[in-house]
Every structure is written in C-alpha cells, then in structure tokens.
mmCIF file of all heavy atoms, coordinates in Angstrom:
data_MODEL
# 
_entry.id   MODEL 
# 
loop_
_atom_site.group_PDB 
_atom_site.id 
_atom_site.type_symbol 
_atom_site.label_atom_id 
_atom_site.label_alt_id 
_atom_site.label_comp_id 
_atom_site.label_asym_id 
_atom_site.label_entity_id 
_atom_site.label_seq_id 
_atom_site.pdbx_PDB_ins_code 
_atom_site.Cartn_x 
_atom_site.Cartn_y 
_atom_site.Cartn_z 
_atom_site.occupancy 
_atom_site.B_iso_or_equiv 
_atom_site.pdbx_formal_charge 
_atom_site.auth_seq_id 
_atom_site.auth_comp_id 
_atom_site.auth_asym_id 
_atom_site.auth_atom_id 
_atom_site.pdbx_PDB_model_num 
ATOM 1   N N   . VAL A 1 1  ? -13.646 3.960  -107.171 1.00 0.00 ? 1  VAL A N   1 
ATOM 2   C CA  . VAL A 1 1  ? -13.725 4.478  -108.529 1.00 0.00 ? 1  VAL A CA  1 
ATOM 3   C C   . VAL A 1 1  ? -12.310 4.802  -108.983 1.00 0.00 ? 1  VAL A C   1 
ATOM 4   O O   . VAL A 1 1  ? -11.529 5.378  -108.215 1.00 0.00 ? 1  VAL A O   1 
ATOM 5   C CB  . VAL A 1 1  ? -14.585 5.764  -108.581 1.00 0.00 ? 1  VAL A CB  1 
ATOM 6   C CG1 . VAL A 1 1  ? -14.567 6.375  -109.962 1.00 0.00 ? 1  VAL A CG1 1 
ATOM 7   C CG2 . VAL A 1 1  ? -15.993 5.484  -108.142 1.00 0.00 ? 1  VAL A CG2 1 
ATOM 8   N N   . ARG A 1 2  ? -11.992 4.440  -110.230 1.00 0.00 ? 2  ARG A N   1 
ATOM 9   C CA  . ARG A 1 2  ? -10.700 4.797  -110.823 1.00 0.00 ? 2  ARG A CA  1 
ATOM 10  C C   . ARG A 1 2  ? -10.936 5.366  -112.211 1.00 0.00 ? 2  ARG A C   1 
ATOM 11  O O   . ARG A 1 2  ? -11.789 4.897  -112.953 1.00 0.00 ? 2  ARG A O   1 
ATOM 12  C CB  . ARG A 1 2  ? -9.776  3.597  -110.923 1.00 0.00 ? 2  ARG A CB  1 
ATOM 13  C CG  . ARG A 1 2  ? -9.245  3.177  -109.595 1.00 0.00 ? 2  ARG A CG  1 
ATOM 14  C CD  . ARG A 1 2  ? -8.096  2.232  -109.738 1.00 0.00 ? 2  ARG A CD  1 
ATOM 15  N NE  . ARG A 1 2  ? -7.714  1.799  -108.398 1.00 0.00 ? 2  ARG A NE  1 
ATOM 16  C CZ  . ARG A 1 2  ? -6.772  0.927  -108.157 1.00 0.00 ? 2  ARG A CZ  1 
ATOM 17  N NH1 . ARG A 1 2  ? -6.102  0.395  -109.145 1.00 0.00 ? 2  ARG A NH1 1 
ATOM 18  N NH2 . ARG A 1 2  ? -6.483  0.586  -106.925 1.00 0.00 ? 2  ARG A NH2 1 
ATOM 19  N N   . PHE A 1 3  ? -10.146 6.373  -112.532 1.00 0.00 ? 3  PHE A N   1 
ATOM 20  C CA  . PHE A 1 3  ? -10.194 7.009  -113.847 1.00 0.00 ? 3  PHE A CA  1 
ATOM 21  C C   . PHE A 1 3  ? -8.790  6.977  -114.426 1.00 0.00 ? 3  PHE A C   1 
ATOM 22  O O   . PHE A 1 3  ? -7.837  7.417  -113.782 1.00 0.00 ? 3  PHE A O   1 
ATOM 23  C CB  . PHE A 1 3  ? -10.688 8.455  -113.716 1.00 0.00 ? 3  PHE A CB  1 
ATOM 24  C CG  . PHE A 1 3  ? -10.621 9.222  -114.995 1.00 0.00 ? 3  PHE A CG  1 
ATOM 25  C CD1 . PHE A 1 3  ? -11.534 8.986  -116.005 1.00 0.00 ? 3  PHE A CD1 1 
ATOM 26  C CD2 . PHE A 1 3  ? -9.646  10.187 -115.184 1.00 0.00 ? 3  PHE A CD2 1 
ATOM 27  C CE1 . PHE A 1 3  ? -11.471 9.698  -117.197 1.00 0.00 ? 3  PHE A CE1 1 
ATOM 28  C CE2 . PHE A 1 3  ? -9.574  10.903 -116.364 1.00 0.00 ? 3  PHE A CE2 1 
ATOM 29  C CZ  . PHE A 1 3  ? -10.490 10.656 -117.371 1.00 0.00 ? 3  PHE A CZ  1 
ATOM 30  N N   . ARG A 1 4  ? -8.657  6.439  -115.634 1.00 0.00 ? 4  ARG A N   1 
ATOM 31  C CA  . ARG A 1 4  ? -7.347  6.329  -116.280 1.00 0.00 ? 4  ARG A CA  1 
ATOM 32  C C   . ARG A 1 4  ? -7.439  6.971  -117.664 1.00 0.00 ? 4  ARG A C   1 
ATOM 33  O O   . ARG A 1 4  ? -8.371  6.706  -118.414 1.00 0.00 ? 4  ARG A O   1 
ATOM 34  C CB  . ARG A 1 4  ? -6.946  4.867  -116.402 1.00 0.00 ? 4  ARG A CB  1 
ATOM 35  C CG  . ARG A 1 4  ? -5.579  4.680  -117.026 1.00 0.00 ? 4  ARG A CG  1 
ATOM 36  C CD  . ARG A 1 4  ? -5.161  3.222  -117.015 1.00 0.00 ? 4  ARG A CD  1 
ATOM 37  N NE  . ARG A 1 4  ? -4.998  2.805  -115.625 1.00 0.00 ? 4  ARG A NE  1 
ATOM 38  C CZ  . ARG A 1 4  ? -5.120  1.564  -115.199 1.00 0.00 ? 4  ARG A CZ  1 
ATOM 39  N NH1 . ARG A 1 4  ? -5.439  0.608  -116.039 1.00 0.00 ? 4  ARG A NH1 1 
ATOM 40  N NH2 . ARG A 1 4  ? -4.949  1.266  -113.933 1.00 0.00 ? 4  ARG A NH2 1 
ATOM 41  N N   . THR A 1 5  ? -6.443  7.789  -117.989 1.00 0.00 ? 5  THR A N   1 
ATOM 42  C CA  . THR A 1 5  ? -6.418  8.453  -119.286 1.00 0.00 ? 5  THR A CA  1 
ATOM 43  C C   . THR A 1 5  ? -4.980  8.696  -119.726 1.00 0.00 ? 5  THR A C   1 
ATOM 44  O O   . THR A 1 5  ? -4.066  8.659  -118.908 1.00 0.00 ? 5  THR A O   1 
ATOM 45  C CB  . THR A 1 5  ? -7.194  9.788  -119.238 1.00 0.00 ? 5  THR A CB  1 
ATOM 46  O OG1 . THR A 1 5  ? -7.293  10.323 -120.547 1.00 0.00 ? 5  THR A OG1 1 
ATOM 47  C CG2 . THR A 1 5  ? -6.502  10.782 -118.328 1.00 0.00 ? 5  THR A CG2 1 
ATOM 48  N N   . LEU A 1 6  ? -4.821  8.929  -121.009 1.00 0.00 ? 6  LEU A N   1 
ATOM 49  C CA  . LEU A 1 6  ? -3.518  9.343  -121.529 1.00 0.00 ? 6  LEU A CA  1 
ATOM 50  C C   . LEU A 1 6  ? -3.460  10.867 -121.454 1.00 0.00 ? 6  LEU A C   1 
ATOM 51  O O   . LEU A 1 6  ? -4.375  11.561 -121.880 1.00 0.00 ? 6  LEU A O   1 
ATOM 52  C CB  . LEU A 1 6  ? -3.335  8.878  -122.969 1.00 0.00 ? 6  LEU A CB  1 
ATOM 53  C CG  . LEU A 1 6  ? -3.150  7.382  -123.146 1.00 0.00 ? 6  LEU A CG  1 
ATOM 54  C CD1 . LEU A 1 6  ? -3.058  7.032  -124.632 1.00 0.00 ? 6  LEU A CD1 1 
ATOM 55  C CD2 . LEU A 1 6  ? -1.912  6.896  -122.423 1.00 0.00 ? 6  LEU A CD2 1 
ATOM 56  N N   . PHE A 1 7  ? -2.384  11.366 -120.885 1.00 0.00 ? 7  PHE A N   1 
ATOM 57  C CA  . PHE A 1 7  ? -2.227  12.808 -120.689 1.00 0.00 ? 7  PHE A CA  1 
ATOM 58  C C   . PHE A 1 7  ? -0.817  13.195 -121.126 1.00 0.00 ? 7  PHE A C   1 
ATOM 59  O O   . PHE A 1 7  ? 0.157   12.752 -120.516 1.00 0.00 ? 7  PHE A O   1 
ATOM 60  C CB  . PHE A 1 7  ? -2.459  13.163 -119.216 1.00 0.00 ? 7  PHE A CB  1 
ATOM 61  C CG  . PHE A 1 7  ? -2.287  14.602 -118.888 1.00 0.00 ? 7  PHE A CG  1 
ATOM 62  C CD1 . PHE A 1 7  ? -3.233  15.532 -119.289 1.00 0.00 ? 7  PHE A CD1 1 
ATOM 63  C CD2 . PHE A 1 7  ? -1.173  15.048 -118.194 1.00 0.00 ? 7  PHE A CD2 1 
ATOM 64  C CE1 . PHE A 1 7  ? -3.072  16.858 -118.985 1.00 0.00 ? 7  PHE A CE1 1 
ATOM 65  C CE2 . PHE A 1 7  ? -1.005  16.374 -117.895 1.00 0.00 ? 7  PHE A CE2 1 
ATOM 66  C CZ  . PHE A 1 7  ? -1.958  17.289 -118.298 1.00 0.00 ? 7  PHE A CZ  1 
ATOM 67  N N   . ALA A 1 8  ? -0.719  13.979 -122.208 1.00 0.00 ? 8  ALA A N   1 
ATOM 68  C CA  . ALA A 1 8  ? 0.569   14.440 -122.728 1.00 0.00 ? 8  ALA A CA  1 
ATOM 69  C C   . ALA A 1 8  ? 1.513   13.269 -123.004 1.00 0.00 ? 8  ALA A C   1 
ATOM 70  O O   . ALA A 1 8  ? 2.695   13.320 -122.675 1.00 0.00 ? 8  ALA A O   1 
ATOM 71  C CB  . ALA A 1 8  ? 1.209   15.438 -121.766 1.00 0.00 ? 8  ALA A CB  1 
ATOM 72  N N   . GLY A 1 9  ? 0.987   12.182 -123.573 1.00 0.00 ? 9  GLY A N   1 
ATOM 73  C CA  . GLY A 1 9  ? 1.808   11.021 -123.899 1.00 0.00 ? 9  GLY A CA  1 
ATOM 74  C C   . GLY A 1 9  ? 2.126   10.128 -122.711 1.00 0.00 ? 9  GLY A C   1 
ATOM 75  O O   . GLY A 1 9  ? 2.889   9.179  -122.841 1.00 0.00 ? 9  GLY A O   1 
ATOM 76  N N   . SER A 1 10 ? 1.590   10.413 -121.555 1.00 0.00 ? 10 SER A N   1 
ATOM 77  C CA  . SER A 1 10 ? 1.813   9.619  -120.345 1.00 0.00 ? 10 SER A CA  1 
ATOM 78  C C   . SER A 1 10 ? 0.473   9.145  -119.804 1.00 0.00 ? 10 SER A C   1 
ATOM 79  O O   . SER A 1 10 ? -0.579  9.664  -120.159 1.00 0.00 ? 10 SER A O   1 
ATOM 80  C CB  . SER A 1 10 ? 2.532   10.452 -119.289 1.00 0.00 ? 10 SER A CB  1 
ATOM 81  O OG  . SER A 1 10 ? 3.772   10.901 -119.778 1.00 0.00 ? 10 SER A OG  1 
ATOM 82  N N   . GLU A 1 11 ? 0.529   8.169  -118.918 1.00 0.00 ? 11 GLU A N   1 
ATOM 83  C CA  . GLU A 1 11 ? -0.703  7.633  -118.332 1.00 0.00 ? 11 GLU A CA  1 
ATOM 84  C C   . GLU A 1 11 ? -0.962  8.272  -116.975 1.00 0.00 ? 11 GLU A C   1 
ATOM 85  O O   . GLU A 1 11 ? -0.086  8.291  -116.112 1.00 0.00 ? 11 GLU A O   1 
ATOM 86  C CB  . GLU A 1 11 ? -0.566  6.121  -118.168 1.00 0.00 ? 11 GLU A CB  1 
ATOM 87  C CG  . GLU A 1 11 ? -1.812  5.468  -117.611 1.00 0.00 ? 11 GLU A CG  1 
ATOM 88  C CD  . GLU A 1 11 ? -1.624  3.976  -117.455 1.00 0.00 ? 11 GLU A CD  1 
ATOM 89  O OE1 . GLU A 1 11 ? -1.896  3.246  -118.418 1.00 0.00 ? 11 GLU A OE1 1 
ATOM 90  O OE2 . GLU A 1 11 ? -1.200  3.570  -116.361 1.00 0.00 ? 11 GLU A OE2 1 
ATOM 91  N N   . LEU A 1 12 ? -2.171  8.768  -116.781 1.00 0.00 ? 12 LEU A N   1 
ATOM 92  C CA  . LEU A 1 12 ? -2.587  9.379  -115.519 1.00 0.00 ? 12 LEU A CA  1 
ATOM 93  C C   . LEU A 1 12 ? -3.739  8.568  -114.934 1.00 0.00 ? 12 LEU A C   1 
ATOM 94  O O   . LEU A 1 12 ? -4.721  8.295  -115.626 1.00 0.00 ? 12 LEU A O   1 
ATOM 95  C CB  . LEU A 1 12 ? -3.034  10.825 -115.747 1.00 0.00 ? 12 LEU A CB  1 
ATOM 96  C CG  . LEU A 1 12 ? -3.604  11.566 -114.542 1.00 0.00 ? 12 LEU A CG  1 
ATOM 97  C CD1 . LEU A 1 12 ? -2.505  11.776 -113.496 1.00 0.00 ? 12 LEU A CD1 1 
ATOM 98  C CD2 . LEU A 1 12 ? -4.198  12.889 -114.957 1.00 0.00 ? 12 LEU A CD2 1 
ATOM 99  N N   . THR A 1 13 ? -3.602  8.157  -113.682 1.00 0.00 ? 13 THR A N   1 
ATOM 100 C CA  . THR A 1 13 ? -4.653  7.405  -112.982 1.00 0.00 ? 13 THR A CA  1 
ATOM 101 C C   . THR A 1 13 ? -5.021  8.137  -111.700 1.00 0.00 ? 13 THR A C   1 
ATOM 102 O O   . THR A 1 13 ? -4.153  8.507  -110.916 1.00 0.00 ? 13 THR A O   1 
ATOM 103 C CB  . THR A 1 13 ? -4.181  5.983  -112.628 1.00 0.00 ? 13 THR A CB  1 
ATOM 104 O OG1 . THR A 1 13 ? -3.763  5.321  -113.822 1.00 0.00 ? 13 THR A OG1 1 
ATOM 105 C CG2 . THR A 1 13 ? -5.294  5.183  -111.971 1.00 0.00 ? 13 THR A CG2 1 
ATOM 106 N N   . ILE A 1 14 ? -6.315  8.348  -111.514 1.00 0.00 ? 14 ILE A N   1 
ATOM 107 C CA  . ILE A 1 14 ? -6.838  8.974  -110.293 1.00 0.00 ? 14 ILE A CA  1 
ATOM 108 C C   . ILE A 1 14 ? -7.880  8.017  -109.713 1.00 0.00 ? 14 ILE A C   1 
ATOM 109 O O   . ILE A 1 14 ? -8.717  7.490  -110.441 1.00 0.00 ? 14 ILE A O   1 
ATOM 110 C CB  . ILE A 1 14 ? -7.496  10.332 -110.595 1.00 0.00 ? 14 ILE A CB  1 
ATOM 111 C CG1 . ILE A 1 14 ? -6.481  11.280 -111.231 1.00 0.00 ? 14 ILE A CG1 1 
ATOM 112 C CG2 . ILE A 1 14 ? -8.087  10.940 -109.337 1.00 0.00 ? 14 ILE A CG2 1 
ATOM 113 C CD1 . ILE A 1 14 ? -7.086  12.560 -111.752 1.00 0.00 ? 14 ILE A CD1 1 
ATOM 114 N N   . GLY A 1 15 ? -7.830  7.780  -108.409 1.00 0.00 ? 15 GLY A N   1 
ATOM 115 C CA  . GLY A 1 15 ? -8.779  6.848  -107.808 1.00 0.00 ? 15 GLY A CA  1 
ATOM 116 C C   . GLY A 1 15 ? -9.151  7.209  -106.384 1.00 0.00 ? 15 GLY A C   1 
ATOM 117 O O   . GLY A 1 15 ? -8.408  7.910  -105.690 1.00 0.00 ? 15 GLY A O   1 
ATOM 118 N N   . PHE A 1 16 ? -10.326 6.750  -105.987 1.00 0.00 ? 16 PHE A N   1 
ATOM 119 C CA  . PHE A 1 16 ? -10.831 6.912  -104.620 1.00 0.00 ? 16 PHE A CA  1 
ATOM 120 C C   . PHE A 1 16 ? -11.437 5.583  -104.198 1.00 0.00 ? 16 PHE A C   1 
ATOM 121 O O   . PHE A 1 16 ? -12.145 4.950  -104.965 1.00 0.00 ? 16 PHE A O   1 
ATOM 122 C CB  . PHE A 1 16 ? -11.900 8.006  -104.553 1.00 0.00 ? 16 PHE A CB  1 
ATOM 123 C CG  . PHE A 1 16 ? -11.417 9.342  -104.997 1.00 0.00 ? 16 PHE A CG  1 
ATOM 124 C CD1 . PHE A 1 16 ? -11.640 9.790  -106.290 1.00 0.00 ? 16 PHE A CD1 1 
ATOM 125 C CD2 . PHE A 1 16 ? -10.721 10.165 -104.117 1.00 0.00 ? 16 PHE A CD2 1 
ATOM 126 C CE1 . PHE A 1 16 ? -11.184 11.022 -106.703 1.00 0.00 ? 16 PHE A CE1 1 
ATOM 127 C CE2 . PHE A 1 16 ? -10.259 11.403 -104.531 1.00 0.00 ? 16 PHE A CE2 1 
ATOM 128 C CZ  . PHE A 1 16 ? -10.495 11.831 -105.829 1.00 0.00 ? 16 PHE A CZ  1 
ATOM 129 N N   . GLU A 1 17 ? -11.149 5.155  -102.967 1.00 0.00 ? 17 GLU A N   1 
ATOM 130 C CA  . GLU A 1 17 ? -11.687 3.912  -102.436 1.00 0.00 ? 17 GLU A CA  1 
ATOM 131 C C   . GLU A 1 17 ? -12.166 4.131  -101.005 1.00 0.00 ? 17 GLU A C   1 
ATOM 132 O O   . GLU A 1 17 ? -11.581 4.926  -100.274 1.00 0.00 ? 17 GLU A O   1 
ATOM 133 C CB  . GLU A 1 17 ? -10.613 2.818  -102.447 1.00 0.00 ? 17 GLU A CB  1 
ATOM 134 C CG  . GLU A 1 17 ? -10.093 2.489  -103.825 1.00 0.00 ? 17 GLU A CG  1 
ATOM 135 C CD  . GLU A 1 17 ? -8.950  1.503  -103.822 1.00 0.00 ? 17 GLU A CD  1 
ATOM 136 O OE1 . GLU A 1 17 ? -8.452  1.133  -102.735 1.00 0.00 ? 17 GLU A OE1 1 
ATOM 137 O OE2 . GLU A 1 17 ? -8.541  1.090  -104.916 1.00 0.00 ? 17 GLU A OE2 1 
ATOM 138 N N   . GLY A 1 18 ? -13.213 3.433  -100.629 1.00 0.00 ? 18 GLY A N   1 
ATOM 139 C CA  . GLY A 1 18 ? -13.731 3.531  -99.272  1.00 0.00 ? 18 GLY A CA  1 
ATOM 140 C C   . GLY A 1 18 ? -14.219 2.182  -98.779  1.00 0.00 ? 18 GLY A C   1 
ATOM 141 O O   . GLY A 1 18 ? -14.537 1.290  -99.573  1.00 0.00 ? 18 GLY A O   1 
ATOM 142 N N   . ALA A 1 19 ? -14.259 2.021  -97.464  1.00 0.00 ? 19 ALA A N   1 
ATOM 143 C CA  . ALA A 1 19 ? -14.697 0.759  -96.872  1.00 0.00 ? 19 ALA A CA  1 
ATOM 144 C C   . ALA A 1 19 ? -15.366 1.014  -95.526  1.00 0.00 ? 19 ALA A C   1 
ATOM 145 O O   . ALA A 1 19 ? -15.089 2.014  -94.864  1.00 0.00 ? 19 ALA A O   1 
ATOM 146 C CB  . ALA A 1 19 ? -13.513 -0.180 -96.676  1.00 0.00 ? 19 ALA A CB  1 
ATOM 147 N N   . ALA A 1 20 ? -16.249 0.120  -95.164  1.00 0.00 ? 20 ALA A N   1 
ATOM 148 C CA  . ALA A 1 20 ? -16.914 0.173  -93.862  1.00 0.00 ? 20 ALA A CA  1 
ATOM 149 C C   . ALA A 1 20 ? -16.992 -1.243 -93.299  1.00 0.00 ? 20 ALA A C   1 
ATOM 150 O O   . ALA A 1 20 ? -17.266 -2.189 -94.029  1.00 0.00 ? 20 ALA A O   1 
ATOM 151 C CB  . ALA A 1 20 ? -18.322 0.745  -93.991  1.00 0.00 ? 20 ALA A CB  1 
ATOM 152 N N   . LEU A 1 21 ? -16.712 -1.385 -92.010  1.00 0.00 ? 21 LEU A N   1 
ATOM 153 C CA  . LEU A 1 21 ? -16.860 -2.670 -91.322  1.00 0.00 ? 21 LEU A CA  1 
ATOM 154 C C   . LEU A 1 21 ? -17.993 -2.532 -90.323  1.00 0.00 ? 21 LEU A C   1 
ATOM 155 O O   . LEU A 1 21 ? -17.975 -1.644 -89.460  1.00 0.00 ? 21 LEU A O   1 
ATOM 156 C CB  . LEU A 1 21 ? -15.570 -3.062 -90.582  1.00 0.00 ? 21 LEU A CB  1 
ATOM 157 C CG  . LEU A 1 21 ? -15.674 -4.311 -89.707  1.00 0.00 ? 21 LEU A CG  1 
ATOM 158 C CD1 . LEU A 1 21 ? -15.953 -5.553 -90.554  1.00 0.00 ? 21 LEU A CD1 1 
ATOM 159 C CD2 . LEU A 1 21 ? -14.414 -4.504 -88.877  1.00 0.00 ? 21 LEU A CD2 1 
ATOM 160 N N   . LEU A 1 22 ? -18.980 -3.388 -90.462  1.00 0.00 ? 22 LEU A N   1 
ATOM 161 C CA  . LEU A 1 22 ? -20.103 -3.452 -89.531  1.00 0.00 ? 22 LEU A CA  1 
ATOM 162 C C   . LEU A 1 22 ? -19.867 -4.682 -88.667  1.00 0.00 ? 22 LEU A C   1 
ATOM 163 O O   . LEU A 1 22 ? -20.179 -5.807 -89.071  1.00 0.00 ? 22 LEU A O   1 
ATOM 164 C CB  . LEU A 1 22 ? -21.425 -3.557 -90.302  1.00 0.00 ? 22 LEU A CB  1 
ATOM 165 C CG  . LEU A 1 22 ? -21.608 -2.550 -91.446  1.00 0.00 ? 22 LEU A CG  1 
ATOM 166 C CD1 . LEU A 1 22 ? -22.859 -2.848 -92.233  1.00 0.00 ? 22 LEU A CD1 1 
ATOM 167 C CD2 . LEU A 1 22 ? -21.615 -1.141 -90.915  1.00 0.00 ? 22 LEU A CD2 1 
ATOM 168 N N   . PRO A 1 23 ? -19.258 -4.519 -87.480  1.00 0.00 ? 23 PRO A N   1 
ATOM 169 C CA  . PRO A 1 23 ? -18.831 -5.659 -86.661  1.00 0.00 ? 23 PRO A CA  1 
ATOM 170 C C   . PRO A 1 23 ? -19.996 -6.517 -86.174  1.00 0.00 ? 23 PRO A C   1 
ATOM 171 O O   . PRO A 1 23 ? -21.088 -6.018 -85.911  1.00 0.00 ? 23 PRO A O   1 
ATOM 172 C CB  . PRO A 1 23 ? -18.122 -5.018 -85.476  1.00 0.00 ? 23 PRO A CB  1 
ATOM 173 C CG  . PRO A 1 23 ? -17.917 -3.598 -85.831  1.00 0.00 ? 23 PRO A CG  1 
ATOM 174 C CD  . PRO A 1 23 ? -18.921 -3.251 -86.859  1.00 0.00 ? 23 PRO A CD  1 
ATOM 175 N N   . GLY A 1 24 ? -19.711 -7.800 -86.042  1.00 0.00 ? 24 GLY A N   1 
ATOM 176 C CA  . GLY A 1 24 ? -20.697 -8.743 -85.538  1.00 0.00 ? 24 GLY A CA  1 
ATOM 177 C C   . GLY A 1 24 ? -20.400 -9.135 -84.098  1.00 0.00 ? 24 GLY A C   1 
ATOM 178 O O   . GLY A 1 24 ? -19.617 -8.496 -83.390  1.00 0.00 ? 24 GLY A O   1 
# 
C-alpha cells in the first residue's frame, strides 16, 4: 500500500510492502 499527498507544498509518500514465499 502507498499513500501520496501534497504536504506544505511538498510531496509526501508513505508505503508498506510485504511478501511471503511458500517453497516448493
């Protein structure tokens, strides 16, 4: 998930990412 907004005339981006590997 990423959230991007203009904040005080500047760009602010906040994000979280996750992954899982189910081995074969």
